[in-house]
Amino acid sequence: MQTQIKSWGNSQAIRLAKELLEIAGMKANEEVNIEACNGQITISKSFKHKTLEERAAEYNGRLNLNDPQDWGEPTGREIW
């Protein structure tokens, strides 16, 4: 896919097709990392640590940290 670098105010911009972003697993307004090296520009997804609340929300209220956990039988020299 070819595109052009265009002026956007005092900067330059490249428009990316929605299909291209979907293939890369990215979406509009998502933060990305951009690196330039040896005549190439690489755009990659930015890694963001999730908060405990964000992680717990993925369990749809099924996360219960108050009940005892069954970790199975010891497999080494653990003391239970």
C-alpha atoms as a PDB file:
ATOM      1  CA  MET A   1       0.000   0.000   0.000  1.00  0.00           C
ATOM      2  CA  GLN A   2       1.354   3.402  -0.928  1.00  0.00           C
ATOM      3  CA  THR A   3       0.416   6.744   0.528  1.00  0.00           C
ATOM      4  CA  GLN A   4       1.869  10.251   0.698  1.00  0.00           C
ATOM      5  CA  ILE A   5       3.323  12.376   3.441  1.00  0.00           C
ATOM      6  CA  LYS A   6       1.191  15.528   3.654  1.00  0.00           C
ATOM      7  CA  SER A   7       1.480  18.790   5.542  1.00  0.00           C
ATOM      8  CA  TRP A   8      -0.720  19.138   8.601  1.00  0.00           C
ATOM      9  CA  GLY A   9      -0.253  22.563  10.166  1.00  0.00           C
ATOM     10  CA  ASN A  10       3.447  22.910  10.976  1.00  0.00           C
ATOM     11  CA  SER A  11       3.912  19.115  10.941  1.00  0.00           C
ATOM     12  CA  GLN A  12       3.637  16.303   8.440  1.00  0.00           C
ATOM     13  CA  ALA A  13       1.169  13.408   8.557  1.00  0.00           C
ATOM     14  CA  ILE A  14       0.485  10.035   6.996  1.00  0.00           C
ATOM     15  CA  ARG A  15      -3.106   8.763   6.833  1.00  0.00           C
ATOM     16  CA  LEU A  16      -3.478   5.065   7.535  1.00  0.00           C
ATOM     17  CA  ALA A  17      -6.372   3.059   6.128  1.00  0.00           C
ATOM     18  CA  LYS A  18      -8.783   1.540   8.659  1.00  0.00           C
ATOM     19  CA  GLU A  19      -8.161  -1.913   7.160  1.00  0.00           C
ATOM     20  CA  LEU A  20      -4.409  -1.535   7.706  1.00  0.00           C
ATOM     21  CA  LEU A  21      -4.945  -0.627  11.358  1.00  0.00           C
ATOM     22  CA  GLU A  22      -7.265  -3.627  11.821  1.00  0.00           C
ATOM     23  CA  ILE A  23      -4.642  -5.975  10.375  1.00  0.00           C
ATOM     24  CA  ALA A  24      -2.076  -4.520  12.806  1.00  0.00           C
ATOM     25  CA  GLY A  25      -4.504  -4.823  15.731  1.00  0.00           C
ATOM     26  CA  MET A  26      -4.608  -1.064  16.259  1.00  0.00           C
ATOM     27  CA  LYS A  27      -7.419   1.486  16.341  1.00  0.00           C
ATOM     28  CA  ALA A  28      -7.928   5.236  16.062  1.00  0.00           C
ATOM     29  CA  ASN A  29      -6.761   7.378  19.009  1.00  0.00           C
ATOM     30  CA  GLU A  30      -4.642   4.532  20.419  1.00  0.00           C
ATOM     31  CA  GLU A  31      -1.198   5.457  21.743  1.00  0.00           C
ATOM     32  CA  VAL A  32       1.674   4.030  19.688  1.00  0.00           C
ATOM     33  CA  ASN A  33       5.466   4.041  19.717  1.00  0.00           C
ATOM     34  CA  ILE A  34       7.261   5.447  16.671  1.00  0.00           C
ATOM     35  CA  GLU A  35      10.925   4.756  15.947  1.00  0.00           C
ATOM     36  CA  ALA A  36      13.100   5.824  13.032  1.00  0.00           C
ATOM     37  CA  CYS A  37      16.260   3.961  12.029  1.00  0.00           C
ATOM     38  CA  ASN A  38      18.167   3.456   8.775  1.00  0.00           C
ATOM     39  CA  GLY A  39      15.577   5.129   6.555  1.00  0.00           C
ATOM     40  CA  GLN A  40      12.634   3.252   8.069  1.00  0.00           C
ATOM     41  CA  ILE A  41       9.862   4.372  10.404  1.00  0.00           C
ATOM     42  CA  THR A  42       8.313   1.699  12.635  1.00  0.00           C
ATOM     43  CA  ILE A  43       4.958   2.149  14.379  1.00  0.00           C
ATOM     44  CA  SER A  44       4.148  -0.328  17.160  1.00  0.00           C
ATOM     45  CA  LYS A  45       1.485  -0.671  19.823  1.00  0.00           C
ATOM     46  CA  SER A  46       2.366   1.015  23.081  1.00  0.00           C
ATOM     47  CA  PHE A  47       2.385  -1.207  26.171  1.00  0.00           C
ATOM     48  CA  LYS A  48       0.379   0.135  29.099  1.00  0.00           C
ATOM     49  CA  HIS A  49       0.186  -1.555  32.474  1.00  0.00           C
ATOM     50  CA  LYS A  50      -3.388  -2.117  33.605  1.00  0.00           C
ATOM     51  CA  THR A  51      -4.529  -1.021  37.031  1.00  0.00           C
ATOM     52  CA  LEU A  52      -5.897  -3.594  39.468  1.00  0.00           C
ATOM     53  CA  GLU A  53      -9.377  -2.224  38.799  1.00  0.00           C
ATOM     54  CA  GLU A  54      -8.956  -2.655  35.026  1.00  0.00           C
ATOM     55  CA  ARG A  55      -7.741  -6.224  35.484  1.00  0.00           C
ATOM     56  CA  ALA A  56     -10.596  -7.080  37.888  1.00  0.00           C
ATOM     57  CA  ALA A  57     -13.145  -5.616  35.442  1.00  0.00           C
ATOM     58  CA  GLU A  58     -12.086  -8.256  32.889  1.00  0.00           C
ATOM     59  CA  TYR A  59     -13.570 -10.913  35.206  1.00  0.00           C
ATOM     60  CA  ASN A  60     -17.067  -9.332  35.103  1.00  0.00           C
ATOM     61  CA  GLY A  61     -17.458  -9.408  38.891  1.00  0.00           C
ATOM     62  CA  ARG A  62     -16.398 -13.075  39.152  1.00  0.00           C
ATOM     63  CA  LEU A  63     -13.057 -12.287  40.785  1.00  0.00           C
ATOM     64  CA  ASN A  64     -13.110 -13.136  44.480  1.00  0.00           C
ATOM     65  CA  LEU A  65      -9.884 -12.555  46.365  1.00  0.00           C
ATOM     66  CA  ASN A  66     -11.383 -13.258  49.803  1.00  0.00           C
ATOM     67  CA  ASP A  67     -12.000 -17.009  49.453  1.00  0.00           C
ATOM     68  CA  PRO A  68      -9.194 -19.517  50.074  1.00  0.00           C
ATOM     69  CA  GLN A  69      -7.382 -20.571  46.925  1.00  0.00           C
ATOM     70  CA  ASP A  70      -6.610 -24.173  45.987  1.00  0.00           C
ATOM     71  CA  TRP A  71      -3.153 -24.209  44.468  1.00  0.00           C
ATOM     72  CA  GLY A  72      -3.023 -28.008  44.122  1.00  0.00           C
ATOM     73  CA  GLU A  73      -0.488 -30.401  45.560  1.00  0.00           C
ATOM     74  CA  PRO A  74       3.112 -29.293  46.176  1.00  0.00           C
ATOM     75  CA  THR A  75       5.427 -30.145  43.286  1.00  0.00           C
ATOM     76  CA  GLY A  76       8.762 -29.382  44.913  1.00  0.00           C
ATOM     77  CA  ARG A  77       9.961 -28.487  48.378  1.00  0.00           C
ATOM     78  CA  GLU A  78       7.109 -26.096  49.161  1.00  0.00           C
ATOM     79  CA  ILE A  79       5.870 -26.042  52.741  1.00  0.00           C
ATOM     80  CA  TRP A  80       2.063 -25.778  52.901  1.00  0.00           C
END
